[in-house]
Full PDB file with SEQRES, HELIX, SHEET, SSBOND, CRYST1, ORIGX, SCALE, CONECT and MASTER records, all heavy atoms in Angstrom:
SEQRES   1 A   38  VAL ASP SER GLU ASN ASP PHE LYS ASP PHE ASN ASN THR          
SEQRES   2 A   38  LEU PHE LEU PHE TYR ASN TYR GLN PRO TYR ASN GLY GLU          
SEQRES   3 A   38  THR TYR CYS GLY ASP GLY GLY ALA GLY ASP VAL SER              
HELIX    1 AA1 GLU A    4  ASP A    6  5                                   3    
HELIX    2 AA2 PHE A   10  ASN A   12  5                                   3    
HELIX    3 AA3 PRO A   22  ASN A   24  5                                   3    
HELIX    4 AA4 CYS A   29  ASP A   31  5                                   3    
SHEET    1 AA1 2 PHE A  17  TYR A  18  0                                        
SHEET    2 AA1 2 ASP A  36  VAL A  37 -1                                        
CRYST1    1.000    1.000    1.000  90.00  90.00  90.00 P 1           1          
ORIGX1      1.000000  0.000000  0.000000        0.00000                         
ORIGX2      0.000000  1.000000  0.000000        0.00000                         
ORIGX3      0.000000  0.000000  1.000000        0.00000                         
SCALE1      1.000000  0.000000  0.000000        0.00000                         
SCALE2      0.000000  1.000000  0.000000        0.00000                         
SCALE3      0.000000  0.000000  1.000000        0.00000                         
ATOM      1  N   VAL A   1      -4.063  11.209   1.517  1.00  0.00           N  
ATOM      2  CA  VAL A   1      -3.222  10.133   1.068  1.00  0.00           C  
ATOM      3  C   VAL A   1      -2.295  10.503  -0.067  1.00  0.00           C  
ATOM      4  O   VAL A   1      -2.734  11.221  -1.029  1.00  0.00           O  
ATOM      5  CB  VAL A   1      -4.176   8.968   0.604  1.00  0.00           C  
ATOM      6  CG1 VAL A   1      -3.258   7.786   0.025  1.00  0.00           C  
ATOM      7  CG2 VAL A   1      -5.019   8.457   1.713  1.00  0.00           C  
ATOM      8  N   ASP A   2      -1.011  10.219   0.026  1.00  0.00           N  
ATOM      9  CA  ASP A   2      -0.089  10.470  -0.993  1.00  0.00           C  
ATOM     10  C   ASP A   2      -0.042   9.392  -2.067  1.00  0.00           C  
ATOM     11  O   ASP A   2       0.037   9.608  -3.255  1.00  0.00           O  
ATOM     12  CB  ASP A   2       1.297  10.770  -0.448  1.00  0.00           C  
ATOM     13  CG  ASP A   2       1.373  12.030   0.382  1.00  0.00           C  
ATOM     14  OD1 ASP A   2       0.584  13.054   0.049  1.00  0.00           O  
ATOM     15  OD2 ASP A   2       2.109  12.074   1.388  1.00  0.00           O  
ATOM     16  N   SER A   3       0.121   8.137  -1.560  1.00  0.00           N  
ATOM     17  CA  SER A   3       0.181   7.004  -2.498  1.00  0.00           C  
ATOM     18  C   SER A   3      -0.199   5.706  -1.775  1.00  0.00           C  
ATOM     19  O   SER A   3      -0.402   5.774  -0.485  1.00  0.00           O  
ATOM     20  CB  SER A   3       1.560   6.850  -3.042  1.00  0.00           C  
ATOM     21  OG  SER A   3       2.462   6.437  -2.085  1.00  0.00           O  
ATOM     22  N   GLU A   4      -0.242   4.571  -2.519  1.00  0.00           N  
ATOM     23  CA  GLU A   4      -0.506   3.260  -1.885  1.00  0.00           C  
ATOM     24  C   GLU A   4       0.588   2.916  -0.971  1.00  0.00           C  
ATOM     25  O   GLU A   4       0.367   2.078  -0.059  1.00  0.00           O  
ATOM     26  CB  GLU A   4      -0.632   2.254  -2.951  1.00  0.00           C  
ATOM     27  CG  GLU A   4      -1.843   2.443  -3.907  1.00  0.00           C  
ATOM     28  CD  GLU A   4      -1.969   1.349  -4.957  1.00  0.00           C  
ATOM     29  OE1 GLU A   4      -1.200   0.406  -4.904  1.00  0.00           O  
ATOM     30  OE2 GLU A   4      -2.789   1.480  -5.934  1.00  0.00           O  
ATOM     31  N   ASN A   5       1.758   3.523  -1.030  1.00  0.00           N  
ATOM     32  CA  ASN A   5       2.868   3.139  -0.158  1.00  0.00           C  
ATOM     33  C   ASN A   5       2.710   3.698   1.272  1.00  0.00           C  
ATOM     34  O   ASN A   5       3.527   3.369   2.092  1.00  0.00           O  
ATOM     35  CB  ASN A   5       4.197   3.773  -0.824  1.00  0.00           C  
ATOM     36  CG  ASN A   5       4.546   3.058  -2.079  1.00  0.00           C  
ATOM     37  OD1 ASN A   5       4.268   1.893  -2.240  1.00  0.00           O  
ATOM     38  ND2 ASN A   5       5.180   3.902  -2.978  1.00  0.00           N  
ATOM     39  N   ASP A   6       1.627   4.528   1.490  1.00  0.00           N  
ATOM     40  CA  ASP A   6       1.340   4.947   2.842  1.00  0.00           C  
ATOM     41  C   ASP A   6       0.857   3.796   3.703  1.00  0.00           C  
ATOM     42  O   ASP A   6       0.723   4.013   4.919  1.00  0.00           O  
ATOM     43  CB  ASP A   6       0.287   6.032   2.773  1.00  0.00           C  
ATOM     44  CG  ASP A   6       0.752   7.342   2.163  1.00  0.00           C  
ATOM     45  OD1 ASP A   6       2.043   7.459   1.923  1.00  0.00           O  
ATOM     46  OD2 ASP A   6       0.026   8.231   1.863  1.00  0.00           O  
ATOM     47  N   PHE A   7       0.534   2.676   3.105  1.00  0.00           N  
ATOM     48  CA  PHE A   7      -0.141   1.613   3.847  1.00  0.00           C  
ATOM     49  C   PHE A   7       0.798   0.331   3.856  1.00  0.00           C  
ATOM     50  O   PHE A   7       1.441   0.033   2.919  1.00  0.00           O  
ATOM     51  CB  PHE A   7      -1.541   1.260   3.250  1.00  0.00           C  
ATOM     52  CG  PHE A   7      -2.347   2.510   3.065  1.00  0.00           C  
ATOM     53  CD1 PHE A   7      -2.329   3.187   1.929  1.00  0.00           C  
ATOM     54  CD2 PHE A   7      -3.090   2.941   4.144  1.00  0.00           C  
ATOM     55  CE1 PHE A   7      -3.110   4.276   1.768  1.00  0.00           C  
ATOM     56  CE2 PHE A   7      -3.960   4.076   4.035  1.00  0.00           C  
ATOM     57  CZ  PHE A   7      -3.922   4.734   2.846  1.00  0.00           C  
ATOM     58  N   LYS A   8       0.709  -0.432   5.031  1.00  0.00           N  
ATOM     59  CA  LYS A   8       1.506  -1.624   5.132  1.00  0.00           C  
ATOM     60  C   LYS A   8       1.144  -2.680   4.096  1.00  0.00           C  
ATOM     61  O   LYS A   8       1.985  -3.262   3.517  1.00  0.00           O  
ATOM     62  CB  LYS A   8       1.319  -2.132   6.553  1.00  0.00           C  
ATOM     63  CG  LYS A   8       2.182  -3.407   6.868  1.00  0.00           C  
ATOM     64  CD  LYS A   8       1.789  -3.995   8.198  1.00  0.00           C  
ATOM     65  CE  LYS A   8       1.928  -3.041   9.345  1.00  0.00           C  
ATOM     66  NZ  LYS A   8       1.604  -3.619  10.649  1.00  0.00           N  
ATOM     67  N   ASP A   9      -0.130  -2.881   3.934  1.00  0.00           N  
ATOM     68  CA  ASP A   9      -0.616  -3.826   2.941  1.00  0.00           C  
ATOM     69  C   ASP A   9      -1.899  -3.216   2.282  1.00  0.00           C  
ATOM     70  O   ASP A   9      -3.013  -3.432   2.797  1.00  0.00           O  
ATOM     71  CB  ASP A   9      -0.968  -5.195   3.621  1.00  0.00           C  
ATOM     72  CG  ASP A   9      -1.450  -6.256   2.639  1.00  0.00           C  
ATOM     73  OD1 ASP A   9      -1.455  -5.925   1.393  1.00  0.00           O  
ATOM     74  OD2 ASP A   9      -1.645  -7.388   3.054  1.00  0.00           O  
ATOM     75  N   PHE A  10      -1.718  -2.479   1.313  1.00  0.00           N  
ATOM     76  CA  PHE A  10      -2.757  -1.668   0.675  1.00  0.00           C  
ATOM     77  C   PHE A  10      -3.936  -2.522   0.217  1.00  0.00           C  
ATOM     78  O   PHE A  10      -5.108  -2.280   0.505  1.00  0.00           O  
ATOM     79  CB  PHE A  10      -2.176  -0.860  -0.500  1.00  0.00           C  
ATOM     80  CG  PHE A  10      -3.259   0.029  -1.218  1.00  0.00           C  
ATOM     81  CD1 PHE A  10      -3.677   1.192  -0.600  1.00  0.00           C  
ATOM     82  CD2 PHE A  10      -3.761  -0.409  -2.366  1.00  0.00           C  
ATOM     83  CE1 PHE A  10      -4.668   1.989  -1.307  1.00  0.00           C  
ATOM     84  CE2 PHE A  10      -4.850   0.330  -2.988  1.00  0.00           C  
ATOM     85  CZ  PHE A  10      -5.219   1.582  -2.425  1.00  0.00           C  
ATOM     86  N   ASN A  11      -3.610  -3.586  -0.520  1.00  0.00           N  
ATOM     87  CA  ASN A  11      -4.686  -4.427  -1.094  1.00  0.00           C  
ATOM     88  C   ASN A  11      -5.615  -5.046  -0.019  1.00  0.00           C  
ATOM     89  O   ASN A  11      -6.830  -5.199  -0.231  1.00  0.00           O  
ATOM     90  CB  ASN A  11      -4.149  -5.592  -1.923  1.00  0.00           C  
ATOM     91  CG  ASN A  11      -3.634  -5.084  -3.226  1.00  0.00           C  
ATOM     92  OD1 ASN A  11      -3.907  -4.017  -3.697  1.00  0.00           O  
ATOM     93  ND2 ASN A  11      -2.774  -5.908  -3.921  1.00  0.00           N  
ATOM     94  N   ASN A  12      -5.132  -5.329   1.207  1.00  0.00           N  
ATOM     95  CA  ASN A  12      -5.836  -6.019   2.254  1.00  0.00           C  
ATOM     96  C   ASN A  12      -6.268  -5.006   3.365  1.00  0.00           C  
ATOM     97  O   ASN A  12      -6.426  -5.367   4.470  1.00  0.00           O  
ATOM     98  CB  ASN A  12      -5.097  -7.164   2.798  1.00  0.00           C  
ATOM     99  CG  ASN A  12      -5.028  -8.279   1.829  1.00  0.00           C  
ATOM    100  OD1 ASN A  12      -5.869  -8.576   1.009  1.00  0.00           O  
ATOM    101  ND2 ASN A  12      -3.870  -8.978   1.916  1.00  0.00           N  
ATOM    102  N   THR A  13      -6.359  -3.768   2.940  1.00  0.00           N  
ATOM    103  CA  THR A  13      -6.919  -2.691   3.887  1.00  0.00           C  
ATOM    104  C   THR A  13      -8.299  -2.362   3.539  1.00  0.00           C  
ATOM    105  O   THR A  13      -8.594  -2.106   2.330  1.00  0.00           O  
ATOM    106  CB  THR A  13      -5.970  -1.432   3.878  1.00  0.00           C  
ATOM    107  OG1 THR A  13      -4.613  -1.837   4.215  1.00  0.00           O  
ATOM    108  CG2 THR A  13      -6.478  -0.369   4.793  1.00  0.00           C  
ATOM    109  N   LEU A  14      -9.160  -2.277   4.521  1.00  0.00           N  
ATOM    110  CA  LEU A  14     -10.598  -1.951   4.297  1.00  0.00           C  
ATOM    111  C   LEU A  14     -10.760  -0.443   4.516  1.00  0.00           C  
ATOM    112  O   LEU A  14     -10.462   0.106   5.537  1.00  0.00           O  
ATOM    113  CB  LEU A  14     -11.518  -2.687   5.200  1.00  0.00           C  
ATOM    114  CG  LEU A  14     -12.999  -2.663   4.933  1.00  0.00           C  
ATOM    115  CD1 LEU A  14     -13.362  -3.246   3.575  1.00  0.00           C  
ATOM    116  CD2 LEU A  14     -13.814  -3.319   6.060  1.00  0.00           C  
ATOM    117  N   PHE A  15     -11.309   0.264   3.494  1.00  0.00           N  
ATOM    118  CA  PHE A  15     -11.387   1.684   3.550  1.00  0.00           C  
ATOM    119  C   PHE A  15     -12.832   2.194   3.587  1.00  0.00           C  
ATOM    120  O   PHE A  15     -13.779   1.475   3.051  1.00  0.00           O  
ATOM    121  CB  PHE A  15     -10.777   2.314   2.233  1.00  0.00           C  
ATOM    122  CG  PHE A  15      -9.220   2.159   2.235  1.00  0.00           C  
ATOM    123  CD1 PHE A  15      -8.722   1.121   1.438  1.00  0.00           C  
ATOM    124  CD2 PHE A  15      -8.502   2.990   2.856  1.00  0.00           C  
ATOM    125  CE1 PHE A  15      -7.354   0.939   1.334  1.00  0.00           C  
ATOM    126  CE2 PHE A  15      -7.081   2.892   2.721  1.00  0.00           C  
ATOM    127  CZ  PHE A  15      -6.523   1.861   2.002  1.00  0.00           C  
ATOM    128  N   LEU A  16     -13.058   3.320   4.219  1.00  0.00           N  
ATOM    129  CA  LEU A  16     -14.440   3.998   4.271  1.00  0.00           C  
ATOM    130  C   LEU A  16     -14.270   5.341   3.557  1.00  0.00           C  
ATOM    131  O   LEU A  16     -13.391   6.104   3.964  1.00  0.00           O  
ATOM    132  CB  LEU A  16     -14.855   4.212   5.665  1.00  0.00           C  
ATOM    133  CG  LEU A  16     -16.121   5.101   5.834  1.00  0.00           C  
ATOM    134  CD1 LEU A  16     -17.376   4.407   5.245  1.00  0.00           C  
ATOM    135  CD2 LEU A  16     -16.362   5.490   7.289  1.00  0.00           C  
ATOM    136  N   PHE A  17     -14.976   5.515   2.507  1.00  0.00           N  
ATOM    137  CA  PHE A  17     -15.014   6.858   1.828  1.00  0.00           C  
ATOM    138  C   PHE A  17     -16.283   7.588   2.175  1.00  0.00           C  
ATOM    139  O   PHE A  17     -17.363   7.013   2.309  1.00  0.00           O  
ATOM    140  CB  PHE A  17     -14.875   6.637   0.304  1.00  0.00           C  
ATOM    141  CG  PHE A  17     -13.677   5.863  -0.091  1.00  0.00           C  
ATOM    142  CD1 PHE A  17     -13.624   4.474  -0.237  1.00  0.00           C  
ATOM    143  CD2 PHE A  17     -12.519   6.564  -0.417  1.00  0.00           C  
ATOM    144  CE1 PHE A  17     -12.497   3.883  -0.627  1.00  0.00           C  
ATOM    145  CE2 PHE A  17     -11.365   5.913  -0.784  1.00  0.00           C  
ATOM    146  CZ  PHE A  17     -11.360   4.510  -0.953  1.00  0.00           C  
ATOM    147  N   TYR A  18     -16.106   8.876   2.322  1.00  0.00           N  
ATOM    148  CA  TYR A  18     -17.290   9.768   2.630  1.00  0.00           C  
ATOM    149  C   TYR A  18     -17.022  11.209   2.146  1.00  0.00           C  
ATOM    150  O   TYR A  18     -16.031  11.522   1.601  1.00  0.00           O  
ATOM    151  CB  TYR A  18     -17.464   9.743   4.195  1.00  0.00           C  
ATOM    152  CG  TYR A  18     -16.258  10.163   4.970  1.00  0.00           C  
ATOM    153  CD1 TYR A  18     -16.164  11.413   5.492  1.00  0.00           C  
ATOM    154  CD2 TYR A  18     -15.235   9.258   5.188  1.00  0.00           C  
ATOM    155  CE1 TYR A  18     -15.077  11.805   6.199  1.00  0.00           C  
ATOM    156  CE2 TYR A  18     -14.137   9.605   5.862  1.00  0.00           C  
ATOM    157  CZ  TYR A  18     -14.051  10.873   6.408  1.00  0.00           C  
ATOM    158  OH  TYR A  18     -12.916  11.295   7.198  1.00  0.00           O  
ATOM    159  N   ASN A  19     -18.017  12.026   2.390  1.00  0.00           N  
ATOM    160  CA  ASN A  19     -17.970  13.439   1.993  1.00  0.00           C  
ATOM    161  C   ASN A  19     -17.911  13.589   0.497  1.00  0.00           C  
ATOM    162  O   ASN A  19     -17.183  14.393  -0.078  1.00  0.00           O  
ATOM    163  CB  ASN A  19     -16.754  14.166   2.591  1.00  0.00           C  
ATOM    164  CG  ASN A  19     -17.013  14.555   4.062  1.00  0.00           C  
ATOM    165  OD1 ASN A  19     -18.128  14.586   4.527  1.00  0.00           O  
ATOM    166  ND2 ASN A  19     -15.901  14.955   4.833  1.00  0.00           N  
ATOM    167  N   TYR A  20     -18.786  12.842  -0.236  1.00  0.00           N  
ATOM    168  CA  TYR A  20     -18.987  13.052  -1.659  1.00  0.00           C  
ATOM    169  C   TYR A  20     -20.511  12.941  -1.897  1.00  0.00           C  
ATOM    170  O   TYR A  20     -21.287  12.299  -1.148  1.00  0.00           O  
ATOM    171  CB  TYR A  20     -18.239  12.024  -2.452  1.00  0.00           C  
ATOM    172  CG  TYR A  20     -18.685  10.574  -2.365  1.00  0.00           C  
ATOM    173  CD1 TYR A  20     -19.511  10.048  -3.382  1.00  0.00           C  
ATOM    174  CD2 TYR A  20     -18.330   9.813  -1.302  1.00  0.00           C  
ATOM    175  CE1 TYR A  20     -19.943   8.737  -3.330  1.00  0.00           C  
ATOM    176  CE2 TYR A  20     -18.752   8.461  -1.231  1.00  0.00           C  
ATOM    177  CZ  TYR A  20     -19.542   7.895  -2.262  1.00  0.00           C  
ATOM    178  OH  TYR A  20     -19.989   6.609  -2.186  1.00  0.00           O  
ATOM    179  N   GLN A  21     -20.948  13.625  -2.969  1.00  0.00           N  
ATOM    180  CA  GLN A  21     -22.355  13.668  -3.248  1.00  0.00           C  
ATOM    181  C   GLN A  21     -22.698  13.175  -4.626  1.00  0.00           C  
ATOM    182  O   GLN A  21     -22.466  13.812  -5.592  1.00  0.00           O  
ATOM    183  CB  GLN A  21     -22.813  15.156  -3.132  1.00  0.00           C  
ATOM    184  CG  GLN A  21     -22.812  15.693  -1.700  1.00  0.00           C  
ATOM    185  CD  GLN A  21     -21.498  16.101  -1.203  1.00  0.00           C  
ATOM    186  OE1 GLN A  21     -20.575  16.568  -2.005  1.00  0.00           O  
ATOM    187  NE2 GLN A  21     -21.191  15.816   0.057  1.00  0.00           N  
ATOM    188  N   PRO A  22     -23.189  11.944  -4.768  1.00  0.00           N  
ATOM    189  CA  PRO A  22     -23.552  11.438  -6.144  1.00  0.00           C  
ATOM    190  C   PRO A  22     -24.565  12.267  -6.818  1.00  0.00           C  
ATOM    191  O   PRO A  22     -24.482  12.443  -8.073  1.00  0.00           O  
ATOM    192  CB  PRO A  22     -24.126   9.980  -5.780  1.00  0.00           C  
ATOM    193  CG  PRO A  22     -23.535   9.652  -4.437  1.00  0.00           C  
ATOM    194  CD  PRO A  22     -23.435  11.000  -3.700  1.00  0.00           C  
ATOM    195  N   TYR A  23     -25.478  12.846  -6.063  1.00  0.00           N  
ATOM    196  CA  TYR A  23     -26.543  13.690  -6.716  1.00  0.00           C  
ATOM    197  C   TYR A  23     -25.913  14.950  -7.233  1.00  0.00           C  
ATOM    198  O   TYR A  23     -26.628  15.682  -8.052  1.00  0.00           O  
ATOM    199  CB  TYR A  23     -27.591  14.087  -5.705  1.00  0.00           C  
ATOM    200  CG  TYR A  23     -27.149  14.376  -4.289  1.00  0.00           C  
ATOM    201  CD1 TYR A  23     -26.653  15.649  -4.017  1.00  0.00           C  
ATOM    202  CD2 TYR A  23     -27.112  13.393  -3.321  1.00  0.00           C  
ATOM    203  CE1 TYR A  23     -26.231  15.945  -2.711  1.00  0.00           C  
ATOM    204  CE2 TYR A  23     -26.643  13.624  -2.091  1.00  0.00           C  
ATOM    205  CZ  TYR A  23     -26.157  14.928  -1.735  1.00  0.00           C  
ATOM    206  OH  TYR A  23     -25.697  15.202  -0.489  1.00  0.00           O  
ATOM    207  N   ASN A  24     -24.694  15.287  -6.977  1.00  0.00           N  
ATOM    208  CA  ASN A  24     -23.987  16.382  -7.580  1.00  0.00           C  
ATOM    209  C   ASN A  24     -23.017  15.945  -8.720  1.00  0.00           C  
ATOM    210  O   ASN A  24     -22.088  16.679  -9.057  1.00  0.00           O  
ATOM    211  CB  ASN A  24     -23.270  17.230  -6.530  1.00  0.00           C  
ATOM    212  CG  ASN A  24     -24.226  18.051  -5.686  1.00  0.00           C  
ATOM    213  OD1 ASN A  24     -25.290  18.383  -6.105  1.00  0.00           O  
ATOM    214  ND2 ASN A  24     -23.739  18.381  -4.478  1.00  0.00           N  
ATOM    215  N   GLY A  25     -23.149  14.706  -9.011  1.00  0.00           N  
ATOM    216  CA  GLY A  25     -22.281  14.149 -10.077  1.00  0.00           C  
ATOM    217  C   GLY A  25     -20.929  13.657  -9.522  1.00  0.00           C  
ATOM    218  O   GLY A  25     -19.980  13.368 -10.453  1.00  0.00           O  
ATOM    219  N   GLU A  26     -20.809  13.492  -8.305  1.00  0.00           N  
ATOM    220  CA  GLU A  26     -19.462  13.088  -7.694  1.00  0.00           C  
ATOM    221  C   GLU A  26     -19.477  11.579  -7.447  1.00  0.00           C  
ATOM    222  O   GLU A  26     -20.512  10.925  -7.197  1.00  0.00           O  
ATOM    223  CB  GLU A  26     -19.204  13.853  -6.389  1.00  0.00           C  
ATOM    224  CG  GLU A  26     -19.042  15.316  -6.587  1.00  0.00           C  
ATOM    225  CD  GLU A  26     -18.811  16.000  -5.272  1.00  0.00           C  
ATOM    226  OE1 GLU A  26     -19.003  15.383  -4.222  1.00  0.00           O  
ATOM    227  OE2 GLU A  26     -18.504  17.184  -5.320  1.00  0.00           O  
ATOM    228  N   THR A  27     -18.287  10.988  -7.459  1.00  0.00           N  
ATOM    229  CA  THR A  27     -18.100   9.641  -6.963  1.00  0.00           C  
ATOM    230  C   THR A  27     -17.043   9.786  -5.893  1.00  0.00           C  
ATOM    231  O   THR A  27     -16.479  10.800  -5.720  1.00  0.00           O  
ATOM    232  CB  THR A  27     -17.661   8.673  -8.062  1.00  0.00           C  
ATOM    233  OG1 THR A  27     -17.483   7.378  -7.518  1.00  0.00           O  
ATOM    234  CG2 THR A  27     -16.234   9.096  -8.705  1.00  0.00           C  
ATOM    235  N   TYR A  28     -16.742   8.602  -5.195  1.00  0.00           N  
ATOM    236  CA  TYR A  28     -15.784   8.714  -4.040  1.00  0.00           C  
ATOM    237  C   TYR A  28     -14.321   8.854  -4.568  1.00  0.00           C  
ATOM    238  O   TYR A  28     -14.032   8.505  -5.624  1.00  0.00           O  
ATOM    239  CB  TYR A  28     -15.939   7.485  -3.110  1.00  0.00           C  
ATOM    240  CG  TYR A  28     -15.726   6.107  -3.820  1.00  0.00           C  
ATOM    241  CD1 TYR A  28     -14.479   5.555  -3.906  1.00  0.00           C  
ATOM    242  CD2 TYR A  28     -16.803   5.506  -4.446  1.00  0.00           C  
ATOM    243  CE1 TYR A  28     -14.312   4.292  -4.511  1.00  0.00           C  
ATOM    244  CE2 TYR A  28     -16.629   4.239  -5.140  1.00  0.00           C  
ATOM    245  CZ  TYR A  28     -15.355   3.708  -5.074  1.00  0.00           C  
ATOM    246  OH  TYR A  28     -15.193   2.450  -5.774  1.00  0.00           O  
ATOM    247  N   CYS A  29     -13.478   9.333  -3.695  1.00  0.00           N  
ATOM    248  CA  CYS A  29     -12.139   9.754  -4.080  1.00  0.00           C  
ATOM    249  C   CYS A  29     -11.264   8.497  -4.500  1.00  0.00           C  
ATOM    250  O   CYS A  29     -10.368   8.685  -5.232  1.00  0.00           O  
ATOM    251  CB  CYS A  29     -11.412  10.521  -3.010  1.00  0.00           C  
ATOM    252  SG  CYS A  29     -11.246   9.694  -1.382  1.00  0.00           S  
ATOM    253  N   GLY A  30     -11.624   7.325  -4.052  1.00  0.00           N  
ATOM    254  CA  GLY A  30     -10.959   6.165  -4.469  1.00  0.00           C  
ATOM    255  C   GLY A  30     -11.321   5.700  -5.895  1.00  0.00           C  
ATOM    256  O   GLY A  30     -10.680   4.866  -6.480  1.00  0.00           O  
ATOM    257  N   ASP A  31     -12.306   6.392  -6.465  1.00  0.00           N  
ATOM    258  CA  ASP A  31     -12.775   6.134  -7.800  1.00  0.00           C  
ATOM    259  C   ASP A  31     -12.482   7.341  -8.712  1.00  0.00           C  
ATOM    260  O   ASP A  31     -13.156   7.550  -9.719  1.00  0.00           O  
ATOM    261  CB  ASP A  31     -14.240   5.776  -7.781  1.00  0.00           C  
ATOM    262  CG  ASP A  31     -14.783   5.172  -9.065  1.00  0.00           C  
ATOM    263  OD1 ASP A  31     -14.006   4.455  -9.761  1.00  0.00           O  
ATOM    264  OD2 ASP A  31     -15.919   5.513  -9.436  1.00  0.00           O  
ATOM    265  N   GLY A  32     -11.566   8.111  -8.276  1.00  0.00           N  
ATOM    266  CA  GLY A  32     -11.197   9.303  -9.025  1.00  0.00           C  
ATOM    267  C   GLY A  32     -12.005  10.485  -8.816  1.00  0.00           C  
ATOM    268  O   GLY A  32     -12.071  11.506  -9.558  1.00  0.00           O  
ATOM    269  N   GLY A  33     -12.841  10.451  -7.727  1.00  0.00           N  
ATOM    270  CA  GLY A  33     -13.790  11.542  -7.434  1.00  0.00           C  
ATOM    271  C   GLY A  33     -13.323  12.424  -6.309  1.00  0.00           C  
ATOM    272  O   GLY A  33     -12.169  12.819  -6.206  1.00  0.00           O  
ATOM    273  N   ALA A  34     -14.268  12.655  -5.338  1.00  0.00           N  
ATOM    274  CA  ALA A  34     -14.003  13.702  -4.237  1.00  0.00           C  
ATOM    275  C   ALA A  34     -14.207  13.042  -2.911  1.00  0.00           C  
ATOM    276  O   ALA A  34     -14.520  11.927  -2.803  1.00  0.00           O  
ATOM    277  CB  ALA A  34     -14.932  14.878  -4.446  1.00  0.00           C  
ATOM    278  N   GLY A  35     -13.952  13.893  -1.941  1.00  0.00           N  
ATOM    279  CA  GLY A  35     -14.235  13.430  -0.550  1.00  0.00           C  
ATOM    280  C   GLY A  35     -13.015  13.030   0.199  1.00  0.00           C  
ATOM    281  O   GLY A  35     -11.930  13.192  -0.167  1.00  0.00           O  
ATOM    282  N   ASP A  36     -13.263  12.228   1.295  1.00  0.00           N  
ATOM    283  CA  ASP A  36     -12.257  11.825   2.245  1.00  0.00           C  
ATOM    284  C   ASP A  36     -12.207  10.280   2.417  1.00  0.00           C  
ATOM    285  O   ASP A  36     -13.219   9.639   1.979  1.00  0.00           O  
ATOM    286  CB  ASP A  36     -12.449  12.427   3.597  1.00  0.00           C  
ATOM    287  CG  ASP A  36     -12.392  13.988   3.515  1.00  0.00           C  
ATOM    288  OD1 ASP A  36     -11.410  14.595   3.058  1.00  0.00           O  
ATOM    289  OD2 ASP A  36     -13.446  14.681   3.902  1.00  0.00           O  
ATOM    290  N   VAL A  37     -11.231   9.831   3.102  1.00  0.00           N  
ATOM    291  CA  VAL A  37     -11.062   8.369   3.344  1.00  0.00           C  
ATOM    292  C   VAL A  37     -10.562   8.134   4.698  1.00  0.00           C  
ATOM    293  O   VAL A  37      -9.777   8.940   5.222  1.00  0.00           O  
ATOM    294  CB  VAL A  37     -10.226   7.718   2.265  1.00  0.00           C  
ATOM    295  CG1 VAL A  37      -8.811   8.256   2.388  1.00  0.00           C  
ATOM    296  CG2 VAL A  37     -10.202   6.219   2.377  1.00  0.00           C  
ATOM    297  N   SER A  38     -10.949   6.993   5.297  1.00  0.00           N  
ATOM    298  CA  SER A  38     -10.420   6.608   6.579  1.00  0.00           C  
ATOM    299  C   SER A  38     -10.229   5.016   6.494  1.00  0.00           C  
ATOM    300  O   SER A  38     -10.901   4.410   5.757  1.00  0.00           O  
ATOM    301  CB  SER A  38     -11.265   7.020   7.777  1.00  0.00           C  
ATOM    302  OG  SER A  38     -12.539   6.426   7.729  1.00  0.00           O  
TER     303      SER A  38                                                      
MASTER        0    0    0    4    2    0    0    6  302    1    0    3          
END                                                                             
């Protein structure tokens, strides 16, 4: 993802974040962390 402008209606889009490990001190990439999104 480059920016919120990649989406038609960003606020009303439901996202799934994955490939992050909280037990390694990570949070999801939408929260400033790591991983991927779909």
